[in-house]
Amino acid sequence: MSEDGPETDHDAASERFGAVDPGALREIRDVFVEMEPLVESTSLDDPLSPSELRVTLAEGIGDAAGARFDVQWSVRNYYSFHYTDDAGVDARFDRHPKPEGSTSHFHVPPDADSDAIERSCITVTEPRLVARAVLKCWRRAHDRGTVDGLDDAANPP
């Protein structure tokens, strides 16, 4: 228990994840804009002290007419790239300590349930390379029209 009250699971997870790295979020934003023509907009939740990058896409995977990525990155090189679309599909590429799974893991679609995880195909840890890998996986799924195999790429960067 802290001075402010009982510690929650969310507090403990935030402590393990570490402080946000604003420079990495800006690097990732640049990669999305440079690599993906379907990027409609990008925004940081707070330009001076961001905690999340939001990337809006003109199309999603399959029947989705629109989609977005919500991205977090910590100074410990932990990350979360959460894909969500208007067809109700969610998936997440994560790297952070997870007692019941691999540090680098993938939360499978359609709902990215926290219990439905598998080892991620992404093994790099640099912000620009991870962003490129996530985009390559996403683009392949977009072009195939299905989230099946979204995380099945070999060496995606």
N, C-alpha and C. Protein backbone atom coordinates (compact mmCIF):
# COMPACT_ATOMS: atom_id res chain seq x y z
N MET A 1 0.85 -1.17 0.00
CA MET A 1 0.00 0.00 0.00
C MET A 1 0.89 1.24 0.00
N SER A 2 0.54 2.23 -0.82
CA SER A 2 1.28 3.49 -0.85
C SER A 2 0.64 4.49 0.10
N GLU A 3 1.29 5.65 0.23
CA GLU A 3 0.73 6.70 1.07
C GLU A 3 -0.61 7.18 0.57
N ASP A 4 -0.85 7.06 -0.75
CA ASP A 4 -2.08 7.55 -1.36
C ASP A 4 -3.20 6.52 -1.34
N GLY A 5 -2.94 5.34 -0.87
CA GLY A 5 -3.96 4.30 -0.85
C GLY A 5 -3.41 3.00 -1.40
N PRO A 6 -4.29 2.01 -1.59
CA PRO A 6 -3.83 0.70 -2.06
C PRO A 6 -3.34 0.78 -3.50
N GLU A 7 -2.29 0.02 -3.78
CA GLU A 7 -1.77 -0.04 -5.13
C GLU A 7 -2.67 -0.94 -5.97
N THR A 8 -2.98 -0.49 -7.19
CA THR A 8 -3.83 -1.28 -8.08
C THR A 8 -2.95 -2.05 -9.06
N ASP A 9 -3.55 -3.03 -9.76
CA ASP A 9 -2.82 -3.76 -10.80
C ASP A 9 -2.35 -2.80 -11.88
N HIS A 10 -3.19 -1.78 -12.20
CA HIS A 10 -2.83 -0.79 -13.21
C HIS A 10 -1.58 -0.02 -12.79
N ASP A 11 -1.51 0.38 -11.50
CA ASP A 11 -0.34 1.10 -11.00
C ASP A 11 0.92 0.25 -11.13
N ALA A 12 0.83 -1.01 -10.77
CA ALA A 12 1.98 -1.91 -10.85
C ALA A 12 2.40 -2.10 -12.31
N ALA A 13 1.44 -2.24 -13.21
CA ALA A 13 1.76 -2.40 -14.64
C ALA A 13 2.42 -1.15 -15.18
N SER A 14 1.94 0.03 -14.79
CA SER A 14 2.55 1.29 -15.24
C SER A 14 3.98 1.40 -14.74
N GLU A 15 4.23 0.98 -13.53
CA GLU A 15 5.58 1.02 -12.96
C GLU A 15 6.52 0.10 -13.75
N ARG A 16 6.07 -1.08 -14.10
CA ARG A 16 6.89 -2.02 -14.88
C ARG A 16 7.13 -1.50 -16.29
N PHE A 17 6.12 -0.84 -16.89
CA PHE A 17 6.22 -0.33 -18.25
C PHE A 17 7.23 0.81 -18.34
N GLY A 18 7.26 1.68 -17.35
CA GLY A 18 8.21 2.78 -17.31
C GLY A 18 7.63 4.07 -17.86
N ALA A 19 8.40 5.12 -17.73
CA ALA A 19 7.99 6.45 -18.20
C ALA A 19 7.92 6.49 -19.71
N VAL A 20 7.06 7.34 -20.22
CA VAL A 20 6.88 7.50 -21.66
C VAL A 20 8.11 8.15 -22.27
N ASP A 21 8.45 7.73 -23.49
CA ASP A 21 9.56 8.31 -24.25
C ASP A 21 8.97 9.15 -25.39
N PRO A 22 8.81 10.48 -25.20
CA PRO A 22 8.20 11.33 -26.22
C PRO A 22 8.97 11.34 -27.54
N GLY A 23 10.30 11.27 -27.48
CA GLY A 23 11.09 11.25 -28.71
C GLY A 23 10.79 10.02 -29.55
N ALA A 24 10.61 8.88 -28.91
CA ALA A 24 10.28 7.65 -29.63
C ALA A 24 8.91 7.77 -30.30
N LEU A 25 7.94 8.36 -29.61
CA LEU A 25 6.62 8.55 -30.21
C LEU A 25 6.70 9.41 -31.47
N ARG A 26 7.53 10.43 -31.43
CA ARG A 26 7.70 11.29 -32.62
C ARG A 26 8.39 10.54 -33.76
N GLU A 27 9.39 9.71 -33.43
CA GLU A 27 10.04 8.88 -34.45
C GLU A 27 9.04 7.93 -35.10
N ILE A 28 8.22 7.30 -34.28
CA ILE A 28 7.22 6.35 -34.78
C ILE A 28 6.21 7.08 -35.67
N ARG A 29 5.79 8.26 -35.24
CA ARG A 29 4.87 9.07 -36.06
C ARG A 29 5.48 9.30 -37.44
N ASP A 30 6.76 9.67 -37.49
CA ASP A 30 7.42 9.95 -38.76
C ASP A 30 7.46 8.71 -39.65
N VAL A 31 7.70 7.54 -39.07
CA VAL A 31 7.72 6.30 -39.86
C VAL A 31 6.35 6.03 -40.46
N PHE A 32 5.29 6.16 -39.68
CA PHE A 32 3.94 5.94 -40.20
C PHE A 32 3.65 6.88 -41.37
N VAL A 33 3.99 8.15 -41.22
CA VAL A 33 3.72 9.14 -42.27
C VAL A 33 4.55 8.84 -43.52
N GLU A 34 5.81 8.47 -43.34
CA GLU A 34 6.70 8.20 -44.47
C GLU A 34 6.33 6.92 -45.20
N MET A 35 5.92 5.88 -44.47
CA MET A 35 5.74 4.55 -45.07
C MET A 35 4.33 4.24 -45.54
N GLU A 36 3.32 4.79 -44.92
CA GLU A 36 1.96 4.33 -45.18
C GLU A 36 1.09 5.41 -45.80
N PRO A 37 0.73 5.24 -47.09
CA PRO A 37 -0.10 6.25 -47.76
C PRO A 37 -1.53 6.35 -47.22
N LEU A 38 -1.99 5.36 -46.48
CA LEU A 38 -3.35 5.42 -45.94
C LEU A 38 -3.44 6.19 -44.62
N VAL A 39 -2.32 6.73 -44.12
CA VAL A 39 -2.36 7.55 -42.91
C VAL A 39 -3.11 8.84 -43.24
N GLU A 40 -4.20 9.07 -42.51
CA GLU A 40 -4.97 10.30 -42.69
C GLU A 40 -4.48 11.39 -41.75
N SER A 41 -4.17 11.00 -40.51
CA SER A 41 -3.72 11.99 -39.53
C SER A 41 -2.95 11.29 -38.42
N THR A 42 -2.14 12.09 -37.74
CA THR A 42 -1.45 11.63 -36.54
C THR A 42 -1.62 12.71 -35.48
N SER A 43 -1.66 12.29 -34.23
CA SER A 43 -1.74 13.28 -33.16
C SER A 43 -1.14 12.70 -31.88
N LEU A 44 -0.52 13.59 -31.13
CA LEU A 44 -0.04 13.25 -29.80
C LEU A 44 -1.06 13.79 -28.82
N ASP A 45 -1.37 13.03 -27.76
CA ASP A 45 -2.39 13.47 -26.82
C ASP A 45 -2.03 14.77 -26.12
N ASP A 46 -0.74 15.05 -25.97
CA ASP A 46 -0.26 16.32 -25.40
C ASP A 46 1.04 16.65 -26.13
N PRO A 47 1.07 17.69 -26.94
CA PRO A 47 2.27 17.99 -27.74
C PRO A 47 3.54 18.21 -26.91
N LEU A 48 3.41 18.75 -25.69
CA LEU A 48 4.59 19.02 -24.88
C LEU A 48 5.03 17.83 -24.04
N SER A 49 4.07 17.04 -23.59
CA SER A 49 4.39 15.90 -22.74
C SER A 49 3.49 14.72 -23.12
N PRO A 50 3.72 14.16 -24.31
CA PRO A 50 2.80 13.12 -24.79
C PRO A 50 2.94 11.80 -24.04
N SER A 51 1.82 11.08 -23.98
CA SER A 51 1.84 9.72 -23.44
C SER A 51 1.36 8.72 -24.48
N GLU A 52 0.75 9.22 -25.57
CA GLU A 52 0.22 8.33 -26.59
C GLU A 52 0.20 9.03 -27.95
N LEU A 53 0.49 8.25 -28.97
CA LEU A 53 0.39 8.67 -30.36
C LEU A 53 -0.83 7.99 -30.96
N ARG A 54 -1.65 8.75 -31.67
CA ARG A 54 -2.80 8.18 -32.37
C ARG A 54 -2.59 8.38 -33.87
N VAL A 55 -2.70 7.29 -34.62
CA VAL A 55 -2.55 7.31 -36.08
C VAL A 55 -3.86 6.84 -36.68
N THR A 56 -4.51 7.72 -37.45
CA THR A 56 -5.78 7.39 -38.09
C THR A 56 -5.52 6.99 -39.53
N LEU A 57 -6.14 5.87 -39.94
CA LEU A 57 -5.97 5.33 -41.29
C LEU A 57 -7.27 5.45 -42.08
N ALA A 58 -7.15 5.69 -43.39
CA ALA A 58 -8.31 5.84 -44.25
C ALA A 58 -9.06 4.53 -44.46
N GLU A 59 -8.39 3.41 -44.28
CA GLU A 59 -8.99 2.10 -44.45
C GLU A 59 -8.49 1.18 -43.35
N GLY A 60 -9.29 0.16 -43.07
CA GLY A 60 -8.85 -0.88 -42.15
C GLY A 60 -8.63 -2.17 -42.90
N ILE A 61 -8.58 -3.25 -42.18
CA ILE A 61 -8.38 -4.57 -42.76
C ILE A 61 -9.74 -5.18 -43.07
N GLY A 62 -9.87 -5.80 -44.24
CA GLY A 62 -11.12 -6.46 -44.61
C GLY A 62 -12.25 -5.46 -44.84
N ASP A 63 -13.35 -5.63 -44.11
CA ASP A 63 -14.53 -4.79 -44.28
C ASP A 63 -14.45 -3.45 -43.56
N ALA A 64 -13.38 -3.19 -42.85
CA ALA A 64 -13.26 -1.95 -42.07
C ALA A 64 -13.00 -0.76 -43.01
N ALA A 65 -13.86 0.24 -42.90
CA ALA A 65 -13.71 1.45 -43.72
C ALA A 65 -12.70 2.42 -43.11
N GLY A 66 -12.41 2.28 -41.84
CA GLY A 66 -11.46 3.15 -41.17
C GLY A 66 -10.83 2.43 -39.99
N ALA A 67 -9.66 2.90 -39.57
CA ALA A 67 -8.95 2.24 -38.47
C ALA A 67 -7.98 3.22 -37.85
N ARG A 68 -7.40 2.79 -36.73
CA ARG A 68 -6.35 3.61 -36.11
C ARG A 68 -5.42 2.71 -35.30
N PHE A 69 -4.25 3.26 -35.05
CA PHE A 69 -3.30 2.69 -34.11
C PHE A 69 -3.16 3.67 -32.96
N ASP A 70 -3.22 3.17 -31.73
CA ASP A 70 -2.89 3.92 -30.54
C ASP A 70 -1.56 3.35 -30.06
N VAL A 71 -0.54 4.20 -29.97
CA VAL A 71 0.81 3.74 -29.72
C VAL A 71 1.35 4.35 -28.42
N GLN A 72 1.96 3.50 -27.62
CA GLN A 72 2.68 3.94 -26.42
C GLN A 72 4.09 3.37 -26.49
N TRP A 73 5.05 4.13 -25.98
CA TRP A 73 6.45 3.68 -25.97
C TRP A 73 7.11 4.21 -24.70
N SER A 74 7.85 3.35 -24.01
CA SER A 74 8.49 3.78 -22.76
C SER A 74 10.01 3.90 -22.92
N VAL A 75 10.62 4.57 -21.97
CA VAL A 75 12.08 4.72 -21.97
C VAL A 75 12.78 3.38 -21.78
N ARG A 76 12.05 2.36 -21.36
CA ARG A 76 12.60 1.01 -21.21
C ARG A 76 12.48 0.19 -22.50
N ASN A 77 12.06 0.84 -23.58
CA ASN A 77 11.81 0.20 -24.87
C ASN A 77 10.68 -0.83 -24.79
N TYR A 78 9.72 -0.57 -23.93
CA TYR A 78 8.48 -1.33 -23.92
C TYR A 78 7.47 -0.56 -24.75
N TYR A 79 6.57 -1.29 -25.39
CA TYR A 79 5.63 -0.60 -26.28
C TYR A 79 4.30 -1.31 -26.36
N SER A 80 3.35 -0.58 -26.93
CA SER A 80 2.03 -1.12 -27.27
C SER A 80 1.57 -0.43 -28.55
N PHE A 81 1.30 -1.22 -29.58
CA PHE A 81 0.70 -0.74 -30.83
C PHE A 81 -0.67 -1.39 -30.90
N HIS A 82 -1.70 -0.65 -30.53
CA HIS A 82 -3.06 -1.18 -30.48
C HIS A 82 -3.80 -0.79 -31.76
N TYR A 83 -4.16 -1.79 -32.56
CA TYR A 83 -4.95 -1.58 -33.78
C TYR A 83 -6.42 -1.76 -33.43
N THR A 84 -7.25 -0.83 -33.89
CA THR A 84 -8.69 -0.96 -33.73
C THR A 84 -9.34 -0.40 -34.99
N ASP A 85 -10.46 -1.00 -35.39
CA ASP A 85 -11.13 -0.50 -36.59
C ASP A 85 -12.64 -0.41 -36.40
N ASP A 86 -13.30 0.18 -37.40
CA ASP A 86 -14.74 0.41 -37.28
C ASP A 86 -15.57 -0.85 -37.54
N ALA A 87 -14.92 -1.97 -37.82
CA ALA A 87 -15.61 -3.25 -37.93
C ALA A 87 -15.57 -4.01 -36.60
N GLY A 88 -15.02 -3.37 -35.57
CA GLY A 88 -14.97 -3.98 -34.24
C GLY A 88 -13.80 -4.90 -34.00
N VAL A 89 -12.77 -4.81 -34.81
CA VAL A 89 -11.60 -5.68 -34.66
C VAL A 89 -10.51 -4.95 -33.88
N ASP A 90 -9.92 -5.64 -32.93
CA ASP A 90 -8.80 -5.13 -32.15
C ASP A 90 -7.68 -6.16 -32.17
N ALA A 91 -6.45 -5.66 -32.20
CA ALA A 91 -5.25 -6.50 -32.09
C ALA A 91 -4.17 -5.62 -31.47
N ARG A 92 -3.17 -6.26 -30.86
CA ARG A 92 -2.14 -5.45 -30.20
C ARG A 92 -0.79 -6.14 -30.26
N PHE A 93 0.21 -5.38 -30.72
CA PHE A 93 1.61 -5.79 -30.65
C PHE A 93 2.18 -5.14 -29.40
N ASP A 94 2.68 -5.92 -28.47
CA ASP A 94 3.19 -5.41 -27.20
C ASP A 94 4.58 -5.93 -26.90
N ARG A 95 5.30 -5.13 -26.13
CA ARG A 95 6.55 -5.60 -25.53
C ARG A 95 6.61 -5.00 -24.14
N HIS A 96 6.45 -5.84 -23.15
CA HIS A 96 6.53 -5.45 -21.74
C HIS A 96 6.48 -6.72 -20.92
N PRO A 97 6.90 -6.64 -19.67
CA PRO A 97 6.86 -7.85 -18.83
C PRO A 97 5.42 -8.38 -18.70
N LYS A 98 5.25 -9.64 -18.94
CA LYS A 98 3.94 -10.29 -18.82
C LYS A 98 4.19 -11.65 -18.21
N PRO A 99 3.82 -11.85 -16.95
CA PRO A 99 4.15 -13.10 -16.25
C PRO A 99 3.68 -14.36 -16.99
N GLU A 100 2.54 -14.28 -17.66
CA GLU A 100 2.01 -15.48 -18.30
C GLU A 100 2.36 -15.59 -19.78
N GLY A 101 3.33 -14.78 -20.25
CA GLY A 101 3.69 -14.87 -21.66
C GLY A 101 5.04 -14.25 -21.95
N SER A 102 5.39 -14.26 -23.21
CA SER A 102 6.64 -13.69 -23.68
C SER A 102 6.64 -12.17 -23.51
N THR A 103 7.81 -11.58 -23.27
CA THR A 103 7.91 -10.13 -23.17
C THR A 103 7.40 -9.47 -24.45
N SER A 104 7.82 -9.97 -25.62
CA SER A 104 7.28 -9.50 -26.91
C SER A 104 6.14 -10.43 -27.28
N HIS A 105 4.92 -9.88 -27.29
CA HIS A 105 3.77 -10.72 -27.54
C HIS A 105 2.72 -10.00 -28.39
N PHE A 106 1.77 -10.78 -28.84
CA PHE A 106 0.72 -10.30 -29.74
C PHE A 106 -0.62 -10.72 -29.16
N HIS A 107 -1.51 -9.74 -29.02
CA HIS A 107 -2.89 -10.01 -28.57
C HIS A 107 -3.73 -10.19 -29.82
N VAL A 108 -4.25 -11.38 -30.00
CA VAL A 108 -4.87 -11.77 -31.26
C VAL A 108 -6.25 -11.12 -31.47
N PRO A 109 -6.58 -10.86 -32.75
CA PRO A 109 -7.91 -10.37 -33.09
C PRO A 109 -8.93 -11.49 -32.93
N PRO A 110 -10.18 -11.23 -32.82
CA PRO A 110 -10.81 -9.94 -33.11
C PRO A 110 -10.90 -8.99 -31.93
N ASP A 111 -10.61 -9.44 -30.70
CA ASP A 111 -10.84 -8.54 -29.58
C ASP A 111 -9.60 -8.26 -28.73
N ALA A 112 -8.43 -8.77 -29.11
CA ALA A 112 -7.18 -8.53 -28.38
C ALA A 112 -7.32 -8.83 -26.89
N ASP A 113 -8.03 -9.88 -26.59
CA ASP A 113 -8.23 -10.30 -25.20
C ASP A 113 -6.88 -10.49 -24.52
N SER A 114 -6.76 -10.01 -23.30
CA SER A 114 -5.49 -10.10 -22.57
C SER A 114 -5.05 -11.54 -22.32
N ASP A 115 -5.99 -12.48 -22.33
CA ASP A 115 -5.62 -13.88 -22.12
C ASP A 115 -5.25 -14.59 -23.42
N ALA A 116 -5.62 -14.01 -24.56
CA ALA A 116 -5.34 -14.64 -25.86
C ALA A 116 -4.09 -14.01 -26.46
N ILE A 117 -2.92 -14.42 -25.93
CA ILE A 117 -1.67 -13.86 -26.43
C ILE A 117 -0.79 -14.97 -26.99
N GLU A 118 0.08 -14.55 -27.89
CA GLU A 118 1.08 -15.46 -28.44
C GLU A 118 2.38 -14.69 -28.62
N ARG A 119 3.46 -15.41 -28.78
CA ARG A 119 4.76 -14.77 -29.00
C ARG A 119 4.69 -13.96 -30.30
N SER A 120 5.20 -12.75 -30.27
CA SER A 120 5.18 -11.88 -31.44
C SER A 120 6.28 -12.23 -32.42
N CYS A 121 6.02 -11.99 -33.69
CA CYS A 121 7.05 -12.18 -34.71
C CYS A 121 8.04 -11.02 -34.70
N ILE A 122 7.73 -9.94 -34.01
CA ILE A 122 8.61 -8.77 -33.96
C ILE A 122 9.63 -8.96 -32.85
N THR A 123 10.91 -8.96 -33.24
CA THR A 123 11.97 -9.20 -32.26
C THR A 123 12.87 -7.99 -32.07
N VAL A 124 12.77 -6.98 -32.94
CA VAL A 124 13.58 -5.78 -32.80
C VAL A 124 13.02 -4.91 -31.68
N THR A 125 13.82 -3.98 -31.18
CA THR A 125 13.37 -3.14 -30.07
C THR A 125 13.57 -1.65 -30.31
N GLU A 126 14.12 -1.25 -31.45
CA GLU A 126 14.31 0.17 -31.74
C GLU A 126 13.00 0.75 -32.26
N PRO A 127 12.61 1.95 -31.83
CA PRO A 127 11.31 2.52 -32.21
C PRO A 127 11.03 2.51 -33.72
N ARG A 128 11.98 2.98 -34.52
CA ARG A 128 11.75 3.04 -35.97
C ARG A 128 11.57 1.64 -36.57
N LEU A 129 12.37 0.68 -36.11
CA LEU A 129 12.27 -0.68 -36.65
C LEU A 129 10.98 -1.36 -36.21
N VAL A 130 10.57 -1.16 -34.98
CA VAL A 130 9.31 -1.75 -34.52
C VAL A 130 8.15 -1.15 -35.31
N ALA A 131 8.16 0.16 -35.50
CA ALA A 131 7.09 0.80 -36.28
C ALA A 131 7.04 0.24 -37.70
N ARG A 132 8.21 0.08 -38.32
CA ARG A 132 8.25 -0.50 -39.67
C ARG A 132 7.70 -1.93 -39.68
N ALA A 133 8.06 -2.71 -38.66
CA ALA A 133 7.60 -4.09 -38.59
C ALA A 133 6.08 -4.16 -38.41
N VAL A 134 5.54 -3.34 -37.52
CA VAL A 134 4.09 -3.31 -37.31
C VAL A 134 3.39 -2.92 -38.61
N LEU A 135 3.90 -1.90 -39.27
CA LEU A 135 3.29 -1.47 -40.54
C LEU A 135 3.37 -2.54 -41.61
N LYS A 136 4.49 -3.24 -41.69
CA LYS A 136 4.60 -4.32 -42.69
C LYS A 136 3.60 -5.43 -42.41
N CYS A 137 3.44 -5.80 -41.14
CA CYS A 137 2.45 -6.82 -40.79
C CYS A 137 1.04 -6.33 -41.13
N TRP A 138 0.76 -5.08 -40.76
CA TRP A 138 -0.57 -4.51 -41.02
C TRP A 138 -0.83 -4.42 -42.52
N ARG A 139 0.13 -3.94 -43.29
CA ARG A 139 -0.05 -3.76 -44.73
C ARG A 139 -0.30 -5.11 -45.41
N ARG A 140 0.43 -6.13 -44.98
CA ARG A 140 0.21 -7.46 -45.56
C ARG A 140 -1.21 -7.95 -45.28
N ALA A 141 -1.68 -7.77 -44.05
CA ALA A 141 -3.05 -8.17 -43.70
C ALA A 141 -4.07 -7.33 -44.47
N HIS A 142 -3.82 -6.04 -44.59
CA HIS A 142 -4.71 -5.15 -45.35
C HIS A 142 -4.83 -5.61 -46.80
N ASP A 143 -3.69 -5.87 -47.43
CA ASP A 143 -3.69 -6.28 -48.84
C ASP A 143 -4.36 -7.64 -49.04
N ARG A 144 -4.26 -8.53 -48.05
CA ARG A 144 -4.91 -9.85 -48.13
C ARG A 144 -6.38 -9.77 -47.73
N GLY A 145 -6.77 -8.70 -47.03
CA GLY A 145 -8.16 -8.51 -46.64
C GLY A 145 -8.60 -9.31 -45.43
N THR A 146 -7.64 -9.76 -44.61
CA THR A 146 -7.99 -10.56 -43.43
C THR A 146 -6.97 -10.35 -42.31
N VAL A 147 -7.45 -10.40 -41.08
CA VAL A 147 -6.54 -10.31 -39.93
C VAL A 147 -5.90 -11.66 -39.62
N ASP A 148 -6.36 -12.73 -40.27
CA ASP A 148 -5.74 -14.04 -40.08
C ASP A 148 -4.27 -13.95 -40.47
N GLY A 149 -3.39 -14.33 -39.59
CA GLY A 149 -1.96 -14.30 -39.87
C GLY A 149 -1.35 -12.91 -39.73
N LEU A 150 -2.04 -12.00 -39.06
CA LEU A 150 -1.52 -10.63 -38.89
C LEU A 150 -0.13 -10.62 -38.28
N ASP A 151 0.19 -11.58 -37.42
CA ASP A 151 1.48 -11.62 -36.75
C ASP A 151 2.33 -12.81 -37.21
N ASP A 152 2.14 -13.25 -38.43
CA ASP A 152 2.85 -14.44 -38.91
C ASP A 152 4.08 -14.13 -39.77
N ALA A 153 4.47 -12.90 -39.87
CA ALA A 153 5.59 -12.54 -40.74
C ALA A 153 6.91 -13.04 -40.15
N ALA A 154 7.86 -13.34 -41.01
CA ALA A 154 9.19 -13.71 -40.58
C ALA A 154 10.09 -12.50 -40.78
N ASN A 155 10.71 -12.03 -39.70
CA ASN A 155 11.63 -10.90 -39.76
C ASN A 155 11.01 -9.70 -40.48
N PRO A 156 9.90 -9.14 -39.95
CA PRO A 156 9.16 -8.11 -40.68
C PRO A 156 9.85 -6.76 -40.90
N PRO A 157 10.88 -6.35 -40.12
CA PRO A 157 11.43 -5.01 -40.40
C PRO A 157 12.04 -4.93 -41.77
